[in-house]
Amino acid sequence: MSLQGKHVFGSIGETRVTFVEKGVTKDRCDFLKRLLEHNRFEVITEEEAKKTEEDPQLYTVAVTDMVFNPTIWVYQRKLKTLDGHRVTPGYWEQRTEDTSPKYWNNGDS
């Protein structure tokens, strides 16, 4: 799921949460949970209901911090990777391990 500007919140069980991402795979769920817990957020995950038995299991990832907005935290570079670098949009979306901010491509690679 790409970063969006929306701040989506609701409940998981009895707990009010800010939804980080919905409909993600187990690998993505684990990545986000590990990253967010490293940044001291309380993370709640929930299995989504399958429509058919053959459908893959998908998950919802949320945090209990009601003011957390992933887009703001990533672009303001407030989150840190497990090895202490700043999280970039590419890192957040698991497209790259590179944590250098490159928001544009000027032809140099």
PDB file of N, CA and C in Angstrom:
ATOM      1  N   MET A   1       0.855  -1.174   0.000  1.00  0.00           N
ATOM      2  CA  MET A   1       0.000   0.000   0.000  1.00  0.00           C
ATOM      3  C   MET A   1       0.896   1.230   0.000  1.00  0.00           C
ATOM      4  N   SER A   2       0.614   2.152  -0.857  1.00  0.00           N
ATOM      5  CA  SER A   2       1.406   3.370  -0.899  1.00  0.00           C
ATOM      6  C   SER A   2       0.967   4.313   0.215  1.00  0.00           C
ATOM      7  N   LEU A   3       1.834   5.257   0.490  1.00  0.00           N
ATOM      8  CA  LEU A   3       1.510   6.249   1.511  1.00  0.00           C
ATOM      9  C   LEU A   3       0.399   7.151   1.010  1.00  0.00           C
ATOM     10  N   GLN A   4      -0.562   7.384   1.875  1.00  0.00           N
ATOM     11  CA  GLN A   4      -1.682   8.258   1.554  1.00  0.00           C
ATOM     12  C   GLN A   4      -1.769   9.331   2.627  1.00  0.00           C
ATOM     13  N   GLY A   5      -2.346  10.456   2.312  1.00  0.00           N
ATOM     14  CA  GLY A   5      -2.445  11.542   3.274  1.00  0.00           C
ATOM     15  C   GLY A   5      -3.528  11.364   4.308  1.00  0.00           C
ATOM     16  N   LYS A   6      -4.398  10.397   4.093  1.00  0.00           N
ATOM     17  CA  LYS A   6      -5.532  10.216   4.992  1.00  0.00           C
ATOM     18  C   LYS A   6      -5.100   9.676   6.349  1.00  0.00           C
ATOM     19  N   HIS A   7      -5.778  10.148   7.372  1.00  0.00           N
ATOM     20  CA  HIS A   7      -5.596   9.621   8.721  1.00  0.00           C
ATOM     21  C   HIS A   7      -6.824   8.774   9.019  1.00  0.00           C
ATOM     22  N   VAL A   8      -6.665   7.461   8.942  1.00  0.00           N
ATOM     23  CA  VAL A   8      -7.793   6.544   9.082  1.00  0.00           C
ATOM     24  C   VAL A   8      -7.739   5.897  10.462  1.00  0.00           C
ATOM     25  N   PHE A   9      -8.817   6.043  11.199  1.00  0.00           N
ATOM     26  CA  PHE A   9      -8.851   5.455  12.537  1.00  0.00           C
ATOM     27  C   PHE A   9     -10.163   4.736  12.755  1.00  0.00           C
ATOM     28  N   GLY A  10     -10.171   3.910  13.786  1.00  0.00           N
ATOM     29  CA  GLY A  10     -11.342   3.119  14.121  1.00  0.00           C
ATOM     30  C   GLY A  10     -11.037   2.263  15.336  1.00  0.00           C
ATOM     31  N   SER A  11     -11.545   1.035  15.336  1.00  0.00           N
ATOM     32  CA  SER A  11     -11.349   0.142  16.476  1.00  0.00           C
ATOM     33  C   SER A  11     -10.984  -1.248  16.010  1.00  0.00           C
ATOM     34  N   ILE A  12     -10.165  -1.894  16.807  1.00  0.00           N
ATOM     35  CA  ILE A  12      -9.923  -3.335  16.693  1.00  0.00           C
ATOM     36  C   ILE A  12     -10.283  -3.886  18.054  1.00  0.00           C
ATOM     37  N   GLY A  13     -11.326  -4.683  18.082  1.00  0.00           N
ATOM     38  CA  GLY A  13     -11.853  -5.139  19.367  1.00  0.00           C
ATOM     39  C   GLY A  13     -12.351  -3.945  20.148  1.00  0.00           C
ATOM     40  N   GLU A  14     -11.878  -3.794  21.370  1.00  0.00           N
ATOM     41  CA  GLU A  14     -12.273  -2.677  22.227  1.00  0.00           C
ATOM     42  C   GLU A  14     -11.271  -1.524  22.175  1.00  0.00           C
ATOM     43  N   THR A  15     -10.237  -1.659  21.368  1.00  0.00           N
ATOM     44  CA  THR A  15      -9.155  -0.684  21.353  1.00  0.00           C
ATOM     45  C   THR A  15      -9.286   0.286  20.184  1.00  0.00           C
ATOM     46  N   ARG A  16      -9.251   1.579  20.487  1.00  0.00           N
ATOM     47  CA  ARG A  16      -9.249   2.605  19.438  1.00  0.00           C
ATOM     48  C   ARG A  16      -7.861   2.630  18.806  1.00  0.00           C
ATOM     49  N   VAL A  17      -7.807   2.669  17.483  1.00  0.00           N
ATOM     50  CA  VAL A  17      -6.534   2.597  16.788  1.00  0.00           C
ATOM     51  C   VAL A  17      -6.501   3.533  15.581  1.00  0.00           C
ATOM     52  N   THR A  18      -5.294   3.805  15.137  1.00  0.00           N
ATOM     53  CA  THR A  18      -5.047   4.422  13.842  1.00  0.00           C
ATOM     54  C   THR A  18      -4.613   3.296  12.918  1.00  0.00           C
ATOM     55  N   PHE A  19      -5.313   3.122  11.812  1.00  0.00           N
ATOM     56  CA  PHE A  19      -4.949   2.068  10.872  1.00  0.00           C
ATOM     57  C   PHE A  19      -3.727   2.511  10.071  1.00  0.00           C
ATOM     58  N   VAL A  20      -2.743   1.626  10.010  1.00  0.00           N
ATOM     59  CA  VAL A  20      -1.531   1.884   9.244  1.00  0.00           C
ATOM     60  C   VAL A  20      -1.729   1.361   7.828  1.00  0.00           C
ATOM     61  N   GLU A  21      -2.084   0.079   7.708  1.00  0.00           N
ATOM     62  CA  GLU A  21      -2.386  -0.522   6.415  1.00  0.00           C
ATOM     63  C   GLU A  21      -3.371  -1.664   6.617  1.00  0.00           C
ATOM     64  N   LYS A  22      -4.215  -1.857   5.613  1.00  0.00           N
ATOM     65  CA  LYS A  22      -5.179  -2.953   5.617  1.00  0.00           C
ATOM     66  C   LYS A  22      -4.940  -3.830   4.404  1.00  0.00           C
ATOM     67  N   GLY A  23      -5.290  -5.105   4.523  1.00  0.00           N
ATOM     68  CA  GLY A  23      -5.193  -6.026   3.401  1.00  0.00           C
ATOM     69  C   GLY A  23      -3.769  -6.342   2.998  1.00  0.00           C
ATOM     70  N   VAL A  24      -2.882  -6.505   3.982  1.00  0.00           N
ATOM     71  CA  VAL A  24      -1.479  -6.779   3.692  1.00  0.00           C
ATOM     72  C   VAL A  24      -1.150  -8.251   3.946  1.00  0.00           C
ATOM     73  N   THR A  25      -0.082  -8.707   3.304  1.00  0.00           N
ATOM     74  CA  THR A  25       0.377 -10.087   3.474  1.00  0.00           C
ATOM     75  C   THR A  25       1.042 -10.256   4.834  1.00  0.00           C
ATOM     76  N   LYS A  26       1.311 -11.489   5.191  1.00  0.00           N
ATOM     77  CA  LYS A  26       1.980 -11.792   6.462  1.00  0.00           C
ATOM     78  C   LYS A  26       3.364 -11.156   6.501  1.00  0.00           C
ATOM     79  N   ASP A  27       4.111 -11.213   5.389  1.00  0.00           N
ATOM     80  CA  ASP A  27       5.449 -10.615   5.349  1.00  0.00           C
ATOM     81  C   ASP A  27       5.390  -9.107   5.578  1.00  0.00           C
ATOM     82  N   ARG A  28       4.451  -8.443   4.911  1.00  0.00           N
ATOM     83  CA  ARG A  28       4.302  -6.996   5.066  1.00  0.00           C
ATOM     84  C   ARG A  28       3.867  -6.660   6.490  1.00  0.00           C
ATOM     85  N   CYS A  29       2.962  -7.436   7.038  1.00  0.00           N
ATOM     86  CA  CYS A  29       2.493  -7.259   8.408  1.00  0.00           C
ATOM     87  C   CYS A  29       3.668  -7.359   9.386  1.00  0.00           C
ATOM     88  N   ASP A  30       4.495  -8.372   9.212  1.00  0.00           N
ATOM     89  CA  ASP A  30       5.652  -8.561  10.093  1.00  0.00           C
ATOM     90  C   ASP A  30       6.644  -7.410   9.967  1.00  0.00           C
ATOM     91  N   PHE A  31       6.900  -6.959   8.726  1.00  0.00           N
ATOM     92  CA  PHE A  31       7.810  -5.840   8.481  1.00  0.00           C
ATOM     93  C   PHE A  31       7.315  -4.584   9.200  1.00  0.00           C
ATOM     94  N   LEU A  32       6.042  -4.244   9.001  1.00  0.00           N
ATOM     95  CA  LEU A  32       5.491  -3.039   9.624  1.00  0.00           C
ATOM     96  C   LEU A  32       5.479  -3.146  11.146  1.00  0.00           C
ATOM     97  N   LYS A  33       5.103  -4.296  11.651  1.00  0.00           N
ATOM     98  CA  LYS A  33       5.057  -4.485  13.100  1.00  0.00           C
ATOM     99  C   LYS A  33       6.443  -4.314  13.715  1.00  0.00           C
ATOM    100  N   ARG A  34       7.443  -4.932  13.112  1.00  0.00           N
ATOM    101  CA  ARG A  34       8.814  -4.835  13.611  1.00  0.00           C
ATOM    102  C   ARG A  34       9.303  -3.373  13.557  1.00  0.00           C
ATOM    103  N   LEU A  35       9.053  -2.692  12.438  1.00  0.00           N
ATOM    104  CA  LEU A  35       9.491  -1.309  12.262  1.00  0.00           C
ATOM    105  C   LEU A  35       8.800  -0.374  13.259  1.00  0.00           C
ATOM    106  N   LEU A  36       7.499  -0.497  13.397  1.00  0.00           N
ATOM    107  CA  LEU A  36       6.750   0.388  14.284  1.00  0.00           C
ATOM    108  C   LEU A  36       7.048   0.120  15.755  1.00  0.00           C
ATOM    109  N   GLU A  37       7.201  -1.137  16.133  1.00  0.00           N
ATOM    110  CA  GLU A  37       7.553  -1.442  17.524  1.00  0.00           C
ATOM    111  C   GLU A  37       8.952  -0.923  17.847  1.00  0.00           C
ATOM    112  N   HIS A  38       9.853  -0.985  16.874  1.00  0.00           N
ATOM    113  CA  HIS A  38      11.194  -0.427  17.069  1.00  0.00           C
ATOM    114  C   HIS A  38      11.113   1.076  17.338  1.00  0.00           C
ATOM    115  N   ASN A  39      10.121   1.732  16.748  1.00  0.00           N
ATOM    116  CA  ASN A  39       9.910   3.164  16.945  1.00  0.00           C
ATOM    117  C   ASN A  39       8.961   3.455  18.104  1.00  0.00           C
ATOM    118  N   ARG A  40       8.772   2.460  18.961  1.00  0.00           N
ATOM    119  CA  ARG A  40       8.036   2.570  20.232  1.00  0.00           C
ATOM    120  C   ARG A  40       6.539   2.794  20.106  1.00  0.00           C
ATOM    121  N   PHE A  41       5.961   2.246  19.060  1.00  0.00           N
ATOM    122  CA  PHE A  41       4.508   2.269  18.930  1.00  0.00           C
ATOM    123  C   PHE A  41       3.960   0.939  19.412  1.00  0.00           C
ATOM    124  N   GLU A  42       2.788   0.982  20.016  1.00  0.00           N
ATOM    125  CA  GLU A  42       2.085  -0.244  20.358  1.00  0.00           C
ATOM    126  C   GLU A  42       1.301  -0.660  19.115  1.00  0.00           C
ATOM    127  N   VAL A  43       1.638  -1.831  18.574  1.00  0.00           N
ATOM    128  CA  VAL A  43       1.064  -2.293  17.313  1.00  0.00           C
ATOM    129  C   VAL A  43       0.034  -3.385  17.577  1.00  0.00           C
ATOM    130  N   ILE A  44      -1.083  -3.291  16.888  1.00  0.00           N
ATOM    131  CA  ILE A  44      -2.120  -4.317  16.961  1.00  0.00           C
ATOM    132  C   ILE A  44      -2.344  -4.824  15.539  1.00  0.00           C
ATOM    133  N   THR A  45      -2.324  -6.133  15.382  1.00  0.00           N
ATOM    134  CA  THR A  45      -2.607  -6.725  14.076  1.00  0.00           C
ATOM    135  C   THR A  45      -3.846  -7.590  14.194  1.00  0.00           C
ATOM    136  N   GLU A  46      -4.527  -7.729  13.068  1.00  0.00           N
ATOM    137  CA  GLU A  46      -5.752  -8.526  13.061  1.00  0.00           C
ATOM    138  C   GLU A  46      -5.849  -9.252  11.723  1.00  0.00           C
ATOM    139  N   GLU A  47      -6.199 -10.528  11.780  1.00  0.00           N
ATOM    140  CA  GLU A  47      -6.443 -11.281  10.551  1.00  0.00           C
ATOM    141  C   GLU A  47      -7.766 -10.835   9.952  1.00  0.00           C
ATOM    142  N   GLU A  48      -7.758 -10.602   8.649  1.00  0.00           N
ATOM    143  CA  GLU A  48      -9.002 -10.250   7.966  1.00  0.00           C
ATOM    144  C   GLU A  48      -9.729 -11.529   7.581  1.00  0.00           C
ATOM    145  N   ALA A  49     -11.023 -11.452   7.524  1.00  0.00           N
ATOM    146  CA  ALA A  49     -11.822 -12.623   7.156  1.00  0.00           C
ATOM    147  C   ALA A  49     -11.600 -12.958   5.685  1.00  0.00           C
ATOM    148  N   LYS A  50     -11.469 -14.251   5.404  1.00  0.00           N
ATOM    149  CA  LYS A  50     -11.320 -14.715   4.020  1.00  0.00           C
ATOM    150  C   LYS A  50     -12.701 -14.868   3.402  1.00  0.00           C
ATOM    151  N   LYS A  51     -12.809 -14.513   2.127  1.00  0.00           N
ATOM    152  CA  LYS A  51     -14.080 -14.713   1.429  1.00  0.00           C
ATOM    153  C   LYS A  51     -14.251 -16.165   1.022  1.00  0.00           C
ATOM    154  N   THR A  52     -13.156 -16.791   0.594  1.00  0.00           N
ATOM    155  CA  THR A  52     -13.170 -18.224   0.286  1.00  0.00           C
ATOM    156  C   THR A  52     -11.949 -18.864   0.933  1.00  0.00           C
ATOM    157  N   GLU A  53     -11.976 -20.152   1.072  1.00  0.00           N
ATOM    158  CA  GLU A  53     -10.874 -20.878   1.699  1.00  0.00           C
ATOM    159  C   GLU A  53      -9.571 -20.740   0.911  1.00  0.00           C
ATOM    160  N   GLU A  54      -9.667 -20.549  -0.409  1.00  0.00           N
ATOM    161  CA  GLU A  54      -8.483 -20.463  -1.259  1.00  0.00           C
ATOM    162  C   GLU A  54      -7.809 -19.094  -1.203  1.00  0.00           C
ATOM    163  N   ASP A  55      -8.512 -18.079  -0.740  1.00  0.00           N
ATOM    164  CA  ASP A  55      -7.940 -16.738  -0.674  1.00  0.00           C
ATOM    165  C   ASP A  55      -6.769 -16.706   0.307  1.00  0.00           C
ATOM    166  N   PRO A  56      -5.759 -15.889  -0.001  1.00  0.00           N
ATOM    167  CA  PRO A  56      -4.638 -15.769   0.947  1.00  0.00           C
ATOM    168  C   PRO A  56      -5.085 -15.038   2.214  1.00  0.00           C
ATOM    169  N   GLN A  57      -4.418 -15.344   3.302  1.00  0.00           N
ATOM    170  CA  GLN A  57      -4.725 -14.666   4.560  1.00  0.00           C
ATOM    171  C   GLN A  57      -4.130 -13.269   4.518  1.00  0.00           C
ATOM    172  N   LEU A  58      -4.951 -12.263   4.764  1.00  0.00           N
ATOM    173  CA  LEU A  58      -4.499 -10.880   4.792  1.00  0.00           C
ATOM    174  C   LEU A  58      -4.681 -10.309   6.189  1.00  0.00           C
ATOM    175  N   TYR A  59      -3.975  -9.232   6.475  1.00  0.00           N
ATOM    176  CA  TYR A  59      -3.936  -8.681   7.815  1.00  0.00           C
ATOM    177  C   TYR A  59      -4.168  -7.172   7.803  1.00  0.00           C
ATOM    178  N   THR A  60      -4.607  -6.666   8.952  1.00  0.00           N
ATOM    179  CA  THR A  60      -4.713  -5.238   9.205  1.00  0.00           C
ATOM    180  C   THR A  60      -3.670  -4.897  10.256  1.00  0.00           C
ATOM    181  N   VAL A  61      -2.939  -3.813  10.019  1.00  0.00           N
ATOM    182  CA  VAL A  61      -1.923  -3.339  10.959  1.00  0.00           C
ATOM    183  C   VAL A  61      -2.369  -1.973  11.472  1.00  0.00           C
ATOM    184  N   ALA A  62      -2.327  -1.794  12.787  1.00  0.00           N
ATOM    185  CA  ALA A  62      -2.758  -0.538  13.398  1.00  0.00           C
ATOM    186  C   ALA A  62      -1.879  -0.226  14.599  1.00  0.00           C
ATOM    187  N   VAL A  63      -1.917   1.021  15.016  1.00  0.00           N
ATOM    188  CA  VAL A  63      -1.210   1.445  16.228  1.00  0.00           C
ATOM    189  C   VAL A  63      -2.212   2.112  17.166  1.00  0.00           C
ATOM    190  N   THR A  64      -1.886   2.117  18.447  1.00  0.00           N
ATOM    191  CA  THR A  64      -2.794   2.700  19.436  1.00  0.00           C
ATOM    192  C   THR A  64      -2.625   4.213  19.564  1.00  0.00           C
ATOM    193  N   ASP A  65      -1.615   4.783  18.931  1.00  0.00           N
ATOM    194  CA  ASP A  65      -1.403   6.226  18.934  1.00  0.00           C
ATOM    195  C   ASP A  65      -2.392   6.861  17.963  1.00  0.00           C
ATOM    196  N   MET A  66      -3.350   7.588  18.475  1.00  0.00           N
ATOM    197  CA  MET A  66      -4.429   8.124  17.646  1.00  0.00           C
ATOM    198  C   MET A  66      -4.001   9.287  16.759  1.00  0.00           C
ATOM    199  N   VAL A  67      -2.844   9.876  16.980  1.00  0.00           N
ATOM    200  CA  VAL A  67      -2.400  10.975  16.126  1.00  0.00           C
ATOM    201  C   VAL A  67      -1.352  10.537  15.108  1.00  0.00           C
ATOM    202  N   PHE A  68      -0.981   9.270  15.112  1.00  0.00           N
ATOM    203  CA  PHE A  68       0.016   8.776  14.160  1.00  0.00           C
ATOM    204  C   PHE A  68      -0.555   8.775  12.750  1.00  0.00           C
ATOM    205  N   ASN A  69       0.190   9.369  11.819  1.00  0.00           N
ATOM    206  CA  ASN A  69      -0.155   9.349  10.402  1.00  0.00           C
ATOM    207  C   ASN A  69       1.100   8.890   9.660  1.00  0.00           C
ATOM    208  N   PRO A  70       1.087   7.686   9.048  1.00  0.00           N
ATOM    209  CA  PRO A  70       2.292   7.157   8.408  1.00  0.00           C
ATOM    210  C   PRO A  70       2.909   8.112   7.390  1.00  0.00           C
ATOM    211  N   THR A  71       2.102   8.780   6.596  1.00  0.00           N
ATOM    212  CA  THR A  71       2.629   9.687   5.574  1.00  0.00           C
ATOM    213  C   THR A  71       3.444  10.813   6.203  1.00  0.00           C
ATOM    214  N   ILE A  72       2.911  11.417   7.226  1.00  0.00           N
ATOM    215  CA  ILE A  72       3.611  12.511   7.897  1.00  0.00           C
ATOM    216  C   ILE A  72       4.904  12.013   8.533  1.00  0.00           C
ATOM    217  N   TRP A  73       4.831  10.894   9.224  1.00  0.00           N
ATOM    218  CA  TRP A  73       6.014  10.374   9.909  1.00  0.00           C
ATOM    219  C   TRP A  73       7.104   9.963   8.929  1.00  0.00           C
ATOM    220  N   VAL A  74       6.743   9.406   7.782  1.00  0.00           N
ATOM    221  CA  VAL A  74       7.757   9.000   6.803  1.00  0.00           C
ATOM    222  C   VAL A  74       8.366  10.227   6.130  1.00  0.00           C
ATOM    223  N   TYR A  75       7.552  11.137   5.634  1.00  0.00           N
ATOM    224  CA  TYR A  75       8.087  12.294   4.920  1.00  0.00           C
ATOM    225  C   TYR A  75       8.777  13.300   5.825  1.00  0.00           C
ATOM    226  N   GLN A  76       8.428  13.342   7.098  1.00  0.00           N
ATOM    227  CA  GLN A  76       9.158  14.186   8.038  1.00  0.00           C
ATOM    228  C   GLN A  76      10.358  13.445   8.623  1.00  0.00           C
ATOM    229  N   ARG A  77      10.555  12.220   8.170  1.00  0.00           N
ATOM    230  CA  ARG A  77      11.704  11.382   8.542  1.00  0.00           C
ATOM    231  C   ARG A  77      11.820  11.194  10.055  1.00  0.00           C
ATOM    232  N   LYS A  78      10.677  10.921  10.684  1.00  0.00           N
ATOM    233  CA  LYS A  78      10.624  10.697  12.123  1.00  0.00           C
ATOM    234  C   LYS A  78      10.861   9.240  12.501  1.00  0.00           C
ATOM    235  N   LEU A  79      10.645   8.321  11.565  1.00  0.00           N
ATOM    236  CA  LEU A  79      10.824   6.899  11.855  1.00  0.00           C
ATOM    237  C   LEU A  79      12.252   6.481  11.566  1.00  0.00           C
ATOM    238  N   LYS A  80      12.744   5.532  12.353  1.00  0.00           N
ATOM    239  CA  LYS A  80      14.096   5.010  12.147  1.00  0.00           C
ATOM    240  C   LYS A  80      14.035   3.516  11.818  1.00  0.00           C
ATOM    241  N   THR A  81      14.954   3.098  10.965  1.00  0.00           N
ATOM    242  CA  THR A  81      15.073   1.679  10.638  1.00  0.00           C
ATOM    243  C   THR A  81      15.679   0.958  11.837  1.00  0.00           C
ATOM    244  N   LEU A  82      15.726  -0.351  11.774  1.00  0.00           N
ATOM    245  CA  LEU A  82      16.277  -1.130  12.879  1.00  0.00           C
ATOM    246  C   LEU A  82      17.749  -0.841  13.097  1.00  0.00           C
ATOM    247  N   ASP A  83      18.458  -0.405  12.034  1.00  0.00           N
ATOM    248  CA  ASP A  83      19.878  -0.086  12.182  1.00  0.00           C
ATOM    249  C   ASP A  83      20.140   1.411  12.353  1.00  0.00           C
ATOM    250  N   GLY A  84      19.089   2.203  12.638  1.00  0.00           N
ATOM    251  CA  GLY A  84      19.261   3.593  13.017  1.00  0.00           C
ATOM    252  C   GLY A  84      19.171   4.629  11.918  1.00  0.00           C
ATOM    253  N   HIS A  85      18.957   4.235  10.669  1.00  0.00           N
ATOM    254  CA  HIS A  85      18.803   5.204   9.588  1.00  0.00           C
ATOM    255  C   HIS A  85      17.365   5.721   9.548  1.00  0.00           C
ATOM    256  N   ARG A  86      17.164   6.811   8.844  1.00  0.00           N
ATOM    257  CA  ARG A  86      15.823   7.378   8.689  1.00  0.00           C
ATOM    258  C   ARG A  86      15.058   6.613   7.617  1.00  0.00           C
ATOM    259  N   VAL A  87      13.784   6.378   7.879  1.00  0.00           N
ATOM    260  CA  VAL A  87      12.925   5.662   6.933  1.00  0.00           C
ATOM    261  C   VAL A  87      12.535   6.605   5.793  1.00  0.00           C
ATOM    262  N   THR A  88      12.713   6.140   4.568  1.00  0.00           N
ATOM    263  CA  THR A  88      12.311   6.881   3.375  1.00  0.00           C
ATOM    264  C   THR A  88      11.040   6.245   2.813  1.00  0.00           C
ATOM    265  N   PRO A  89      10.358   6.928   1.908  1.00  0.00           N
ATOM    266  CA  PRO A  89       9.175   6.316   1.284  1.00  0.00           C
ATOM    267  C   PRO A  89       9.498   4.981   0.612  1.00  0.00           C
ATOM    268  N   GLY A  90      10.623   4.885  -0.070  1.00  0.00           N
ATOM    269  CA  GLY A  90      11.010   3.637  -0.721  1.00  0.00           C
ATOM    270  C   GLY A  90      11.233   2.512   0.271  1.00  0.00           C
ATOM    271  N   TYR A  91      11.832   2.831   1.404  1.00  0.00           N
ATOM    272  CA  TYR A  91      12.047   1.828   2.447  1.00  0.00           C
ATOM    273  C   TYR A  91      10.710   1.395   3.044  1.00  0.00           C
ATOM    274  N   TRP A  92       9.850   2.368   3.331  1.00  0.00           N
ATOM    275  CA  TRP A  92       8.540   2.072   3.897  1.00  0.00           C
ATOM    276  C   TRP A  92       7.751   1.118   3.006  1.00  0.00           C
ATOM    277  N   GLU A  93       7.803   1.369   1.701  1.00  0.00           N
ATOM    278  CA  GLU A  93       7.054   0.553   0.747  1.00  0.00           C
ATOM    279  C   GLU A  93       7.798  -0.717   0.348  1.00  0.00           C
ATOM    280  N   GLN A  94       8.940  -0.960   0.968  1.00  0.00           N
ATOM    281  CA  GLN A  94       9.763  -2.150   0.754  1.00  0.00           C
ATOM    282  C   GLN A  94      10.211  -2.282  -0.704  1.00  0.00           C
ATOM    283  N   ARG A  95      10.490  -1.160  -1.341  1.00  0.00           N
ATOM    284  CA  ARG A  95      11.017  -1.178  -2.706  1.00  0.00           C
ATOM    285  C   ARG A  95      12.533  -1.163  -2.704  1.00  0.00           C
ATOM    286  N   THR A  96      13.133  -0.667  -1.596  1.00  0.00           N
ATOM    287  CA  THR A  96      14.579  -0.557  -1.507  1.00  0.00           C
ATOM    288  C   THR A  96      15.029  -0.604  -0.057  1.00  0.00           C
ATOM    289  N   GLU A  97      16.279  -0.990   0.138  1.00  0.00           N
ATOM    290  CA  GLU A  97      16.903  -0.925   1.467  1.00  0.00           C
ATOM    291  C   GLU A  97      17.649   0.390   1.632  1.00  0.00           C
ATOM    292  N   ASP A  98      17.795   1.143   0.531  1.00  0.00           N
ATOM    293  CA  ASP A  98      18.506   2.415   0.543  1.00  0.00           C
ATOM    294  C   ASP A  98      17.700   3.438   1.342  1.00  0.00           C
ATOM    295  N   THR A  99      18.354   4.096   2.286  1.00  0.00           N
ATOM    296  CA  THR A  99      17.655   5.067   3.118  1.00  0.00           C
ATOM    297  C   THR A  99      18.083   6.496   2.826  1.00  0.00           C
ATOM    298  N   SER A 100      18.761   6.719   1.686  1.00  0.00           N
ATOM    299  CA  SER A 100      19.089   8.085   1.272  1.00  0.00           C
ATOM    300  C   SER A 100      17.850   8.702   0.639  1.00  0.00           C
ATOM    301  N   PRO A 101      17.487   9.912   1.048  1.00  0.00           N
ATOM    302  CA  PRO A 101      16.274  10.512   0.478  1.00  0.00           C
ATOM    303  C   PRO A 101      16.486  10.962  -0.961  1.00  0.00           C
ATOM    304  N   LYS A 102      15.800  10.326  -1.884  1.00  0.00           N
ATOM    305  CA  LYS A 102      15.862  10.702  -3.292  1.00  0.00           C
ATOM    306  C   LYS A 102      14.432  10.859  -3.779  1.00  0.00           C
ATOM    307  N   TYR A 103      13.922  12.052  -3.639  1.00  0.00           N
ATOM    308  CA  TYR A 103      12.533  12.307  -3.995  1.00  0.00           C
ATOM    309  C   TYR A 103      12.376  12.638  -5.473  1.00  0.00           C
ATOM    310  N   TRP A 104      13.490  12.772  -6.185  1.00  0.00           N
ATOM    311  CA  TRP A 104      13.425  13.053  -7.611  1.00  0.00           C
ATOM    312  C   TRP A 104      14.610  12.374  -8.273  1.00  0.00           C
ATOM    313  N   ASN A 105      14.552  12.243  -9.567  1.00  0.00           N
ATOM    314  CA  ASN A 105      15.632  11.655 -10.343  1.00  0.00           C
ATOM    315  C   ASN A 105      16.085  12.697 -11.347  1.00  0.00           C
ATOM    316  N   ASN A 106      17.308  13.203 -11.172  1.00  0.00           N
ATOM    317  CA  ASN A 106      17.813  14.232 -12.073  1.00  0.00           C
ATOM    318  C   ASN A 106      18.676  13.649 -13.184  1.00  0.00           C
ATOM    319  N   GLY A 107      18.583  12.364 -13.406  1.00  0.00           N
ATOM    320  CA  GLY A 107      19.338  11.719 -14.462  1.00  0.00           C
ATOM    321  C   GLY A 107      20.623  11.081 -13.995  1.00  0.00           C
ATOM    322  N   ASP A 108      21.055  11.409 -12.776  1.00  0.00           N
ATOM    323  CA  ASP A 108      22.266  10.795 -12.220  1.00  0.00           C
ATOM    324  C   ASP A 108      21.873   9.527 -11.497  1.00  0.00           C
ATOM    325  N   SER A 109      22.547   8.464 -11.790  1.00  0.00           N
ATOM    326  CA  SER A 109      22.231   7.216 -11.091  1.00  0.00           C
ATOM    327  C   SER A 109      23.437   6.602 -10.502  1.00  0.00           C
TER     328      SER A 109
END
